[in-house]
Amino acid sequence: MRILGLDPGLNRTGWGVIDAASGRFVRVDSGMIRVPEGELSARLGHIVRELSKVIERTKPDLASAERVFVNVNPQSTLRLGQARGAALVAADLAGLPVEEFTPSEIKEAVCATGRADKPMVQRMIGMLLGIEGDIQADEADALACAVCCANSIRMRAFEKAGSTTRTYATPRRGRSAAGARSAWTALFTKEGKTS
């Protein structure tokens, strides 16, 4: 399954496309759209046009995006919501279904903690996807969103089949967060060797 992750912003919109199969993730392509200054409608149009090109080139099966929450600064929240709307329009124009996740769900899927900071997300995405060198924060966030979506789809499939996945997703009583991260890492290491 090919998944487009989106990290919309009015100045920069990160995007990342991964292939997810057999518990493995492979980065197909990723990048950042720099949005030029100007009228709001032109900026939003730029996001739609550029993401449409990415979708046309990479041909994802679905898209994933972060849910927006009201911030301390309502103006920032409004602008982020507008950029997010433009990104969702680009996905819809291409006929892509969109899955949405909270920031903490995305961080937990990648770092095993919903309180991870941006540098930690960048490092973990680099490790998960075998990316050498630095990766931009917006690009890493978009890839993390795609990984979260892949994990979510996989966990739903396990649950539907009657499997239990709780020990891999969150620590149980008596287990530390470090133990949960170890279990999560072991899951990917084990599956990576058998695939």
N, C-alpha and C. Protein backbone atom coordinates (compact mmCIF):
# COMPACT_ATOMS: atom_id res chain seq x y z
N MET A 1 0.85 -1.17 0.00
CA MET A 1 0.00 0.00 0.00
C MET A 1 0.90 1.24 0.00
N ARG A 2 0.57 2.20 -0.81
CA ARG A 2 1.34 3.44 -0.91
C ARG A 2 0.56 4.56 -0.22
N ILE A 3 1.21 5.23 0.73
CA ILE A 3 0.54 6.23 1.57
C ILE A 3 1.25 7.56 1.47
N LEU A 4 0.47 8.61 1.26
CA LEU A 4 0.97 9.99 1.26
C LEU A 4 0.71 10.59 2.62
N GLY A 5 1.77 11.04 3.28
CA GLY A 5 1.63 11.75 4.55
C GLY A 5 1.75 13.24 4.30
N LEU A 6 0.92 14.02 4.99
CA LEU A 6 0.89 15.46 4.79
C LEU A 6 1.15 16.20 6.10
N ASP A 7 1.99 17.22 6.03
CA ASP A 7 2.21 18.13 7.15
C ASP A 7 2.01 19.55 6.62
N PRO A 8 0.74 19.97 6.51
CA PRO A 8 0.44 21.26 5.87
C PRO A 8 0.85 22.46 6.72
N GLY A 9 1.25 23.49 6.03
CA GLY A 9 1.55 24.77 6.65
C GLY A 9 1.45 25.85 5.59
N LEU A 10 1.17 27.07 6.00
CA LEU A 10 0.99 28.14 5.03
C LEU A 10 2.32 28.65 4.48
N ASN A 11 3.42 28.42 5.20
CA ASN A 11 4.74 28.79 4.69
C ASN A 11 5.45 27.60 4.04
N ARG A 12 5.35 26.45 4.68
CA ARG A 12 5.96 25.22 4.18
C ARG A 12 4.99 24.07 4.40
N THR A 13 4.82 23.26 3.39
CA THR A 13 3.99 22.06 3.49
C THR A 13 4.87 20.85 3.23
N GLY A 14 5.01 20.02 4.25
CA GLY A 14 5.81 18.81 4.10
C GLY A 14 4.96 17.69 3.54
N TRP A 15 5.57 16.82 2.77
CA TRP A 15 4.88 15.65 2.23
C TRP A 15 5.86 14.48 2.19
N GLY A 16 5.33 13.29 2.33
CA GLY A 16 6.16 12.10 2.26
C GLY A 16 5.33 10.92 1.81
N VAL A 17 5.89 10.12 0.93
CA VAL A 17 5.19 8.95 0.40
C VAL A 17 5.98 7.71 0.78
N ILE A 18 5.28 6.74 1.38
CA ILE A 18 5.92 5.48 1.74
C ILE A 18 5.15 4.31 1.12
N ASP A 19 5.86 3.22 0.92
CA ASP A 19 5.24 1.94 0.61
C ASP A 19 5.27 1.13 1.89
N ALA A 20 4.14 0.56 2.26
CA ALA A 20 4.05 -0.24 3.48
C ALA A 20 3.56 -1.63 3.12
N ALA A 21 4.37 -2.63 3.45
CA ALA A 21 3.98 -4.02 3.19
C ALA A 21 4.76 -4.93 4.12
N SER A 22 4.11 -5.95 4.65
CA SER A 22 4.74 -6.95 5.50
C SER A 22 5.49 -6.34 6.68
N GLY A 23 4.94 -5.29 7.27
CA GLY A 23 5.57 -4.68 8.43
C GLY A 23 6.79 -3.84 8.12
N ARG A 24 7.07 -3.61 6.86
CA ARG A 24 8.23 -2.80 6.46
C ARG A 24 7.74 -1.51 5.80
N PHE A 25 8.54 -0.48 5.97
CA PHE A 25 8.24 0.81 5.37
C PHE A 25 9.40 1.21 4.48
N VAL A 26 9.08 1.67 3.28
CA VAL A 26 10.10 2.15 2.36
C VAL A 26 9.69 3.53 1.88
N ARG A 27 10.60 4.48 2.03
CA ARG A 27 10.31 5.83 1.54
C ARG A 27 10.37 5.82 0.02
N VAL A 28 9.30 6.28 -0.61
CA VAL A 28 9.24 6.40 -2.06
C VAL A 28 9.82 7.75 -2.46
N ASP A 29 9.35 8.80 -1.80
CA ASP A 29 9.80 10.16 -2.08
C ASP A 29 9.27 11.05 -0.97
N SER A 30 9.90 12.17 -0.78
CA SER A 30 9.42 13.13 0.21
C SER A 30 10.02 14.49 -0.11
N GLY A 31 9.43 15.51 0.46
CA GLY A 31 9.93 16.85 0.21
C GLY A 31 9.11 17.89 0.93
N MET A 32 9.36 19.12 0.53
CA MET A 32 8.69 20.23 1.16
C MET A 32 8.30 21.24 0.08
N ILE A 33 7.09 21.72 0.18
CA ILE A 33 6.61 22.76 -0.74
C ILE A 33 6.78 24.09 -0.02
N ARG A 34 7.59 24.95 -0.60
CA ARG A 34 7.75 26.30 -0.04
C ARG A 34 6.68 27.18 -0.67
N VAL A 35 5.88 27.79 0.18
CA VAL A 35 4.75 28.58 -0.29
C VAL A 35 5.18 30.05 -0.36
N PRO A 36 5.12 30.65 -1.56
CA PRO A 36 5.54 32.05 -1.70
C PRO A 36 4.59 33.01 -0.99
N GLU A 37 5.11 34.16 -0.62
CA GLU A 37 4.28 35.21 -0.03
C GLU A 37 3.29 35.69 -1.08
N GLY A 38 2.22 36.30 -0.64
CA GLY A 38 1.23 36.82 -1.57
C GLY A 38 -0.16 36.73 -0.99
N GLU A 39 -1.14 36.87 -1.85
CA GLU A 39 -2.54 36.77 -1.44
C GLU A 39 -2.83 35.36 -0.93
N LEU A 40 -3.69 35.28 0.06
CA LEU A 40 -4.02 33.99 0.66
C LEU A 40 -4.52 32.99 -0.37
N SER A 41 -5.41 33.42 -1.26
CA SER A 41 -5.97 32.49 -2.25
C SER A 41 -4.87 31.94 -3.16
N ALA A 42 -3.90 32.78 -3.52
CA ALA A 42 -2.80 32.33 -4.38
C ALA A 42 -1.91 31.33 -3.63
N ARG A 43 -1.69 31.57 -2.35
CA ARG A 43 -0.86 30.66 -1.55
C ARG A 43 -1.53 29.30 -1.41
N LEU A 44 -2.84 29.32 -1.14
CA LEU A 44 -3.57 28.06 -1.00
C LEU A 44 -3.62 27.32 -2.34
N GLY A 45 -3.80 28.07 -3.42
CA GLY A 45 -3.79 27.48 -4.76
C GLY A 45 -2.45 26.83 -5.07
N HIS A 46 -1.36 27.46 -4.62
CA HIS A 46 -0.02 26.91 -4.82
C HIS A 46 0.11 25.54 -4.14
N ILE A 47 -0.40 25.45 -2.91
CA ILE A 47 -0.36 24.17 -2.19
C ILE A 47 -1.12 23.10 -2.96
N VAL A 48 -2.32 23.44 -3.42
CA VAL A 48 -3.14 22.47 -4.16
C VAL A 48 -2.41 22.02 -5.43
N ARG A 49 -1.89 22.97 -6.20
CA ARG A 49 -1.22 22.63 -7.46
C ARG A 49 0.02 21.76 -7.24
N GLU A 50 0.85 22.14 -6.27
CA GLU A 50 2.09 21.40 -6.04
C GLU A 50 1.82 20.00 -5.48
N LEU A 51 0.87 19.88 -4.56
CA LEU A 51 0.53 18.55 -4.05
C LEU A 51 -0.10 17.69 -5.13
N SER A 52 -0.86 18.31 -6.02
CA SER A 52 -1.45 17.56 -7.13
C SER A 52 -0.36 16.96 -8.01
N LYS A 53 0.73 17.71 -8.22
CA LYS A 53 1.87 17.19 -8.99
C LYS A 53 2.52 16.01 -8.28
N VAL A 54 2.68 16.13 -6.96
CA VAL A 54 3.27 15.04 -6.17
C VAL A 54 2.39 13.79 -6.28
N ILE A 55 1.09 13.97 -6.13
CA ILE A 55 0.16 12.84 -6.19
C ILE A 55 0.20 12.20 -7.58
N GLU A 56 0.23 13.01 -8.61
CA GLU A 56 0.28 12.50 -9.99
C GLU A 56 1.56 11.68 -10.21
N ARG A 57 2.67 12.16 -9.66
CA ARG A 57 3.96 11.50 -9.87
C ARG A 57 4.12 10.22 -9.03
N THR A 58 3.65 10.25 -7.77
CA THR A 58 3.91 9.13 -6.86
C THR A 58 2.77 8.11 -6.79
N LYS A 59 1.59 8.49 -7.20
CA LYS A 59 0.41 7.61 -7.26
C LYS A 59 0.11 6.87 -5.95
N PRO A 60 -0.14 7.61 -4.86
CA PRO A 60 -0.49 6.95 -3.59
C PRO A 60 -1.90 6.36 -3.63
N ASP A 61 -2.15 5.41 -2.72
CA ASP A 61 -3.47 4.79 -2.59
C ASP A 61 -4.37 5.58 -1.65
N LEU A 62 -3.76 6.25 -0.68
CA LEU A 62 -4.52 7.08 0.25
C LEU A 62 -3.60 8.12 0.85
N ALA A 63 -4.20 9.09 1.53
CA ALA A 63 -3.44 10.15 2.17
C ALA A 63 -3.72 10.15 3.67
N SER A 64 -2.81 10.75 4.41
CA SER A 64 -2.98 10.88 5.86
C SER A 64 -2.55 12.28 6.27
N ALA A 65 -3.26 12.82 7.26
CA ALA A 65 -2.97 14.18 7.71
C ALA A 65 -3.18 14.28 9.21
N GLU A 66 -2.52 15.26 9.79
CA GLU A 66 -2.66 15.53 11.22
C GLU A 66 -3.92 16.34 11.47
N ARG A 67 -4.64 15.98 12.53
CA ARG A 67 -5.80 16.77 12.93
C ARG A 67 -5.32 18.09 13.53
N VAL A 68 -6.08 19.14 13.30
CA VAL A 68 -5.73 20.46 13.83
C VAL A 68 -6.50 20.71 15.11
N PHE A 69 -5.79 21.21 16.11
CA PHE A 69 -6.43 21.59 17.36
C PHE A 69 -6.28 23.09 17.55
N VAL A 70 -7.20 23.67 18.31
CA VAL A 70 -7.13 25.10 18.58
C VAL A 70 -5.88 25.38 19.39
N ASN A 71 -5.09 26.30 18.89
CA ASN A 71 -3.82 26.68 19.50
C ASN A 71 -4.04 27.88 20.42
N VAL A 72 -2.99 28.27 21.13
CA VAL A 72 -3.05 29.47 21.97
C VAL A 72 -3.34 30.68 21.10
N ASN A 73 -2.77 30.69 19.89
CA ASN A 73 -2.97 31.80 18.96
C ASN A 73 -4.03 31.40 17.93
N PRO A 74 -5.24 31.95 18.05
CA PRO A 74 -6.31 31.58 17.11
C PRO A 74 -5.98 31.89 15.65
N GLN A 75 -5.23 32.96 15.42
CA GLN A 75 -4.85 33.33 14.05
C GLN A 75 -3.98 32.24 13.42
N SER A 76 -3.04 31.71 14.20
CA SER A 76 -2.18 30.63 13.70
C SER A 76 -3.00 29.38 13.40
N THR A 77 -3.94 29.08 14.28
CA THR A 77 -4.79 27.90 14.08
C THR A 77 -5.61 28.06 12.80
N LEU A 78 -6.14 29.25 12.57
CA LEU A 78 -6.94 29.50 11.38
C LEU A 78 -6.10 29.33 10.12
N ARG A 79 -4.89 29.89 10.11
CA ARG A 79 -4.02 29.79 8.94
C ARG A 79 -3.60 28.34 8.67
N LEU A 80 -3.31 27.60 9.75
CA LEU A 80 -2.96 26.19 9.61
C LEU A 80 -4.15 25.42 9.05
N GLY A 81 -5.33 25.72 9.54
CA GLY A 81 -6.54 25.06 9.05
C GLY A 81 -6.78 25.33 7.57
N GLN A 82 -6.47 26.54 7.13
CA GLN A 82 -6.64 26.87 5.72
C GLN A 82 -5.65 26.08 4.85
N ALA A 83 -4.40 26.00 5.30
CA ALA A 83 -3.39 25.23 4.55
C ALA A 83 -3.76 23.75 4.53
N ARG A 84 -4.24 23.26 5.66
CA ARG A 84 -4.67 21.87 5.75
C ARG A 84 -5.83 21.61 4.79
N GLY A 85 -6.76 22.56 4.72
CA GLY A 85 -7.89 22.44 3.79
C GLY A 85 -7.42 22.34 2.35
N ALA A 86 -6.42 23.14 1.99
CA ALA A 86 -5.88 23.08 0.62
C ALA A 86 -5.26 21.71 0.34
N ALA A 87 -4.54 21.16 1.33
CA ALA A 87 -3.92 19.84 1.15
C ALA A 87 -4.99 18.76 1.00
N LEU A 88 -6.05 18.86 1.79
CA LEU A 88 -7.13 17.87 1.71
C LEU A 88 -7.88 17.98 0.38
N VAL A 89 -8.01 19.19 -0.14
CA VAL A 89 -8.64 19.38 -1.45
C VAL A 89 -7.81 18.69 -2.53
N ALA A 90 -6.48 18.84 -2.47
CA ALA A 90 -5.61 18.18 -3.46
C ALA A 90 -5.81 16.67 -3.41
N ALA A 91 -5.89 16.11 -2.21
CA ALA A 91 -6.12 14.66 -2.07
C ALA A 91 -7.48 14.27 -2.63
N ASP A 92 -8.50 15.06 -2.32
CA ASP A 92 -9.84 14.75 -2.80
C ASP A 92 -9.94 14.84 -4.32
N LEU A 93 -9.30 15.84 -4.90
CA LEU A 93 -9.33 15.98 -6.36
C LEU A 93 -8.73 14.77 -7.05
N ALA A 94 -7.79 14.11 -6.37
CA ALA A 94 -7.16 12.90 -6.93
C ALA A 94 -7.93 11.63 -6.55
N GLY A 95 -9.03 11.79 -5.82
CA GLY A 95 -9.83 10.64 -5.42
C GLY A 95 -9.24 9.83 -4.28
N LEU A 96 -8.35 10.44 -3.49
CA LEU A 96 -7.71 9.72 -2.39
C LEU A 96 -8.53 9.83 -1.11
N PRO A 97 -8.78 8.71 -0.44
CA PRO A 97 -9.36 8.80 0.90
C PRO A 97 -8.29 9.37 1.85
N VAL A 98 -8.73 10.05 2.89
CA VAL A 98 -7.80 10.67 3.84
C VAL A 98 -8.08 10.15 5.24
N GLU A 99 -7.03 9.69 5.91
CA GLU A 99 -7.12 9.29 7.32
C GLU A 99 -6.47 10.39 8.14
N GLU A 100 -7.06 10.66 9.31
CA GLU A 100 -6.56 11.75 10.15
C GLU A 100 -6.13 11.20 11.51
N PHE A 101 -5.07 11.81 12.06
CA PHE A 101 -4.51 11.37 13.33
C PHE A 101 -4.13 12.58 14.18
N THR A 102 -4.18 12.40 15.49
CA THR A 102 -3.75 13.47 16.40
C THR A 102 -2.23 13.51 16.40
N PRO A 103 -1.65 14.66 16.78
CA PRO A 103 -0.19 14.73 16.87
C PRO A 103 0.39 13.67 17.80
N SER A 104 -0.27 13.41 18.92
CA SER A 104 0.27 12.41 19.86
C SER A 104 0.18 10.99 19.28
N GLU A 105 -0.85 10.69 18.50
CA GLU A 105 -0.93 9.37 17.85
C GLU A 105 0.22 9.19 16.87
N ILE A 106 0.54 10.23 16.13
CA ILE A 106 1.62 10.16 15.15
C ILE A 106 2.96 9.96 15.86
N LYS A 107 3.21 10.75 16.90
CA LYS A 107 4.47 10.62 17.64
C LYS A 107 4.59 9.25 18.30
N GLU A 108 3.51 8.75 18.86
CA GLU A 108 3.54 7.44 19.51
C GLU A 108 3.81 6.33 18.50
N ALA A 109 3.27 6.46 17.30
CA ALA A 109 3.49 5.43 16.27
C ALA A 109 4.95 5.35 15.84
N VAL A 110 5.64 6.47 15.90
CA VAL A 110 7.02 6.53 15.43
C VAL A 110 8.03 6.42 16.57
N CYS A 111 7.73 7.06 17.69
CA CYS A 111 8.70 7.16 18.79
C CYS A 111 8.30 6.40 20.05
N ALA A 112 7.13 5.78 20.05
CA ALA A 112 6.60 5.04 21.21
C ALA A 112 6.27 5.96 22.38
N THR A 113 6.19 7.25 22.13
CA THR A 113 5.72 8.20 23.13
C THR A 113 5.03 9.35 22.41
N GLY A 114 3.89 9.75 22.92
CA GLY A 114 3.15 10.85 22.32
C GLY A 114 3.72 12.21 22.65
N ARG A 115 4.77 12.24 23.46
CA ARG A 115 5.38 13.52 23.86
C ARG A 115 6.74 13.76 23.20
N ALA A 116 7.03 13.05 22.15
CA ALA A 116 8.31 13.21 21.47
C ALA A 116 8.43 14.61 20.88
N ASP A 117 9.67 15.14 20.88
CA ASP A 117 9.89 16.44 20.26
C ASP A 117 10.28 16.24 18.79
N LYS A 118 10.36 17.35 18.06
CA LYS A 118 10.63 17.26 16.61
C LYS A 118 11.96 16.56 16.30
N PRO A 119 13.06 16.89 17.02
CA PRO A 119 14.32 16.19 16.72
C PRO A 119 14.22 14.67 16.91
N MET A 120 13.47 14.23 17.91
CA MET A 120 13.30 12.79 18.13
C MET A 120 12.53 12.16 16.98
N VAL A 121 11.48 12.84 16.52
CA VAL A 121 10.71 12.33 15.37
C VAL A 121 11.61 12.24 14.14
N GLN A 122 12.42 13.27 13.92
CA GLN A 122 13.33 13.27 12.78
C GLN A 122 14.30 12.09 12.84
N ARG A 123 14.89 11.86 14.02
CA ARG A 123 15.83 10.75 14.17
C ARG A 123 15.16 9.39 13.94
N MET A 124 13.98 9.20 14.55
CA MET A 124 13.30 7.91 14.42
C MET A 124 12.84 7.65 12.99
N ILE A 125 12.35 8.67 12.32
CA ILE A 125 11.95 8.51 10.92
C ILE A 125 13.16 8.15 10.08
N GLY A 126 14.28 8.81 10.34
CA GLY A 126 15.52 8.47 9.64
C GLY A 126 15.90 7.01 9.82
N MET A 127 15.77 6.52 11.07
CA MET A 127 16.10 5.13 11.36
C MET A 127 15.10 4.17 10.72
N LEU A 128 13.80 4.45 10.89
CA LEU A 128 12.76 3.55 10.35
C LEU A 128 12.84 3.41 8.84
N LEU A 129 13.14 4.52 8.17
CA LEU A 129 13.11 4.52 6.70
C LEU A 129 14.50 4.45 6.07
N GLY A 130 15.54 4.34 6.90
CA GLY A 130 16.90 4.24 6.38
C GLY A 130 17.35 5.48 5.64
N ILE A 131 16.96 6.65 6.14
CA ILE A 131 17.33 7.91 5.50
C ILE A 131 18.66 8.36 6.10
N GLU A 132 19.65 8.53 5.25
CA GLU A 132 20.94 9.01 5.72
C GLU A 132 20.99 10.52 5.63
N GLY A 133 21.63 11.14 6.60
CA GLY A 133 21.73 12.60 6.61
C GLY A 133 20.52 13.23 7.25
N ASP A 134 20.53 14.55 7.24
CA ASP A 134 19.45 15.30 7.87
C ASP A 134 18.20 15.31 7.01
N ILE A 135 17.08 15.41 7.69
CA ILE A 135 15.79 15.52 7.01
C ILE A 135 15.06 16.70 7.64
N GLN A 136 14.41 17.50 6.83
CA GLN A 136 13.68 18.66 7.32
C GLN A 136 12.54 18.23 8.25
N ALA A 137 12.25 19.05 9.26
CA ALA A 137 11.22 18.72 10.25
C ALA A 137 9.85 18.52 9.59
N ASP A 138 9.48 19.37 8.65
CA ASP A 138 8.17 19.25 8.00
C ASP A 138 8.08 17.96 7.17
N GLU A 139 9.17 17.61 6.53
CA GLU A 139 9.24 16.39 5.74
C GLU A 139 9.16 15.16 6.67
N ALA A 140 9.90 15.21 7.78
CA ALA A 140 9.87 14.10 8.76
C ALA A 140 8.48 13.94 9.35
N ASP A 141 7.81 15.05 9.66
CA ASP A 141 6.46 14.98 10.21
C ASP A 141 5.48 14.35 9.22
N ALA A 142 5.64 14.67 7.95
CA ALA A 142 4.77 14.09 6.92
C ALA A 142 5.02 12.58 6.79
N LEU A 143 6.28 12.18 6.79
CA LEU A 143 6.60 10.76 6.73
C LEU A 143 6.09 10.03 7.97
N ALA A 144 6.20 10.69 9.13
CA ALA A 144 5.70 10.10 10.38
C ALA A 144 4.19 9.89 10.30
N CYS A 145 3.50 10.83 9.69
CA CYS A 145 2.05 10.70 9.53
C CYS A 145 1.72 9.50 8.64
N ALA A 146 2.50 9.30 7.59
CA ALA A 146 2.28 8.14 6.71
C ALA A 146 2.56 6.83 7.44
N VAL A 147 3.62 6.80 8.25
CA VAL A 147 3.94 5.60 9.03
C VAL A 147 2.83 5.32 10.03
N CYS A 148 2.32 6.36 10.69
CA CYS A 148 1.22 6.21 11.64
C CYS A 148 0.00 5.61 10.93
N CYS A 149 -0.29 6.09 9.75
CA CYS A 149 -1.43 5.58 8.99
C CYS A 149 -1.24 4.10 8.66
N ALA A 150 -0.04 3.74 8.22
CA ALA A 150 0.25 2.34 7.90
C ALA A 150 0.08 1.46 9.13
N ASN A 151 0.60 1.93 10.27
CA ASN A 151 0.45 1.17 11.52
C ASN A 151 -1.01 1.02 11.91
N SER A 152 -1.76 2.09 11.76
CA SER A 152 -3.17 2.07 12.12
C SER A 152 -3.94 1.06 11.27
N ILE A 153 -3.69 1.06 9.99
CA ILE A 153 -4.35 0.12 9.08
C ILE A 153 -3.97 -1.32 9.46
N ARG A 154 -2.71 -1.51 9.75
CA ARG A 154 -2.22 -2.85 10.11
C ARG A 154 -2.84 -3.33 11.42
N MET A 155 -2.91 -2.44 12.41
CA MET A 155 -3.48 -2.82 13.70
C MET A 155 -4.98 -3.14 13.56
N ARG A 156 -5.67 -2.37 12.74
CA ARG A 156 -7.10 -2.65 12.52
C ARG A 156 -7.27 -4.02 11.86
N ALA A 157 -6.36 -4.36 10.95
CA ALA A 157 -6.42 -5.67 10.29
C ALA A 157 -6.17 -6.79 11.31
N PHE A 158 -5.21 -6.58 12.22
CA PHE A 158 -4.95 -7.57 13.27
C PHE A 158 -6.17 -7.73 14.17
N GLU A 159 -6.75 -6.61 14.56
CA GLU A 159 -7.92 -6.66 15.44
C GLU A 159 -9.09 -7.37 14.75
N LYS A 160 -9.26 -7.10 13.48
CA LYS A 160 -10.34 -7.74 12.73
C LYS A 160 -10.12 -9.25 12.64
N ALA A 161 -8.85 -9.64 12.55
CA ALA A 161 -8.52 -11.07 12.47
C ALA A 161 -8.53 -11.73 13.85
N GLY A 162 -8.71 -10.93 14.91
CA GLY A 162 -8.78 -11.49 16.25
C GLY A 162 -7.46 -11.49 16.99
N SER A 163 -6.43 -10.87 16.43
CA SER A 163 -5.14 -10.80 17.12
C SER A 163 -5.16 -9.69 18.14
N THR A 164 -4.34 -9.82 19.16
CA THR A 164 -4.19 -8.76 20.15
C THR A 164 -2.89 -8.02 19.88
N THR A 165 -2.93 -6.71 19.91
CA THR A 165 -1.75 -5.92 19.61
C THR A 165 -1.38 -4.98 20.74
N ARG A 166 -2.06 -5.05 21.85
CA ARG A 166 -1.86 -4.10 22.94
C ARG A 166 -0.42 -4.05 23.42
N THR A 167 0.26 -5.17 23.51
CA THR A 167 1.61 -5.16 24.05
C THR A 167 2.58 -4.42 23.14
N TYR A 168 2.26 -4.27 21.88
CA TYR A 168 3.14 -3.54 20.98
C TYR A 168 2.81 -2.06 20.93
N ALA A 169 1.61 -1.69 21.28
CA ALA A 169 1.18 -0.30 21.10
C ALA A 169 1.44 0.56 22.33
N THR A 170 1.10 0.08 23.51
CA THR A 170 1.25 0.89 24.72
C THR A 170 1.76 0.02 25.86
N PRO A 171 2.45 0.63 26.81
CA PRO A 171 2.93 -0.15 27.94
C PRO A 171 1.77 -0.59 28.83
N ARG A 172 1.83 -1.83 29.31
CA ARG A 172 0.85 -2.31 30.28
C ARG A 172 1.31 -1.91 31.67
N ARG A 173 0.42 -2.06 32.62
CA ARG A 173 0.76 -1.75 34.00
C ARG A 173 2.02 -2.53 34.38
N GLY A 174 2.97 -1.83 34.99
CA GLY A 174 4.20 -2.49 35.41
C GLY A 174 5.31 -2.44 34.37
N ARG A 175 5.01 -1.96 33.18
CA ARG A 175 6.04 -1.86 32.14
C ARG A 175 6.41 -0.40 31.95
N SER A 176 7.65 -0.16 31.71
CA SER A 176 8.11 1.21 31.50
C SER A 176 7.93 1.61 30.04
N ALA A 177 8.03 2.91 29.79
CA ALA A 177 7.97 3.39 28.41
C ALA A 177 9.16 2.84 27.62
N ALA A 178 10.32 2.72 28.30
CA ALA A 178 11.50 2.16 27.62
C ALA A 178 11.22 0.72 27.20
N GLY A 179 10.54 -0.03 28.06
CA GLY A 179 10.18 -1.42 27.72
C GLY A 179 9.25 -1.48 26.53
N ALA A 180 8.31 -0.54 26.48
CA ALA A 180 7.38 -0.49 25.35
C ALA A 180 8.13 -0.17 24.06
N ARG A 181 9.08 0.78 24.14
CA ARG A 181 9.88 1.11 22.96
C ARG A 181 10.68 -0.10 22.50
N SER A 182 11.23 -0.86 23.46
CA SER A 182 12.00 -2.06 23.11
C SER A 182 11.11 -3.08 22.40
N ALA A 183 9.90 -3.26 22.91
CA ALA A 183 8.96 -4.20 22.28
C ALA A 183 8.62 -3.74 20.87
N TRP A 184 8.41 -2.44 20.72
CA TRP A 184 8.08 -1.86 19.41
C TRP A 184 9.24 -2.07 18.44
N THR A 185 10.47 -1.77 18.90
CA THR A 185 11.65 -1.94 18.07
C THR A 185 11.83 -3.41 17.71
N ALA A 186 11.62 -4.30 18.67
CA ALA A 186 11.76 -5.74 18.41
C ALA A 186 10.76 -6.20 17.36
N LEU A 187 9.55 -5.66 17.40
CA LEU A 187 8.54 -6.03 16.42
C LEU A 187 9.03 -5.73 15.01
N PHE A 188 9.57 -4.52 14.81
CA PHE A 188 10.01 -4.14 13.48
C PHE A 188 11.28 -4.88 13.08
N THR A 189 12.19 -5.08 14.03
CA THR A 189 13.42 -5.80 13.73
C THR A 189 13.10 -7.24 13.34
N LYS A 190 12.25 -7.89 14.11
CA LYS A 190 11.86 -9.28 13.85
C LYS A 190 11.18 -9.40 12.50
N GLU A 191 10.22 -8.52 12.23
CA GLU A 191 9.49 -8.61 10.96
C GLU A 191 10.36 -8.22 9.79
N GLY A 192 11.30 -7.28 10.03
CA GLY A 192 12.19 -6.89 8.95
C GLY A 192 13.07 -8.04 8.49
N LYS A 193 13.45 -8.94 9.43
CA LYS A 193 14.30 -10.07 9.09
C LYS A 193 13.53 -11.19 8.41
N THR A 194 12.25 -11.30 8.73
CA THR A 194 11.47 -12.40 8.16
C THR A 194 10.83 -12.04 6.84
N SER A 195 10.79 -10.76 6.49
CA SER A 195 10.11 -10.36 5.25
C SER A 195 11.02 -10.50 4.07
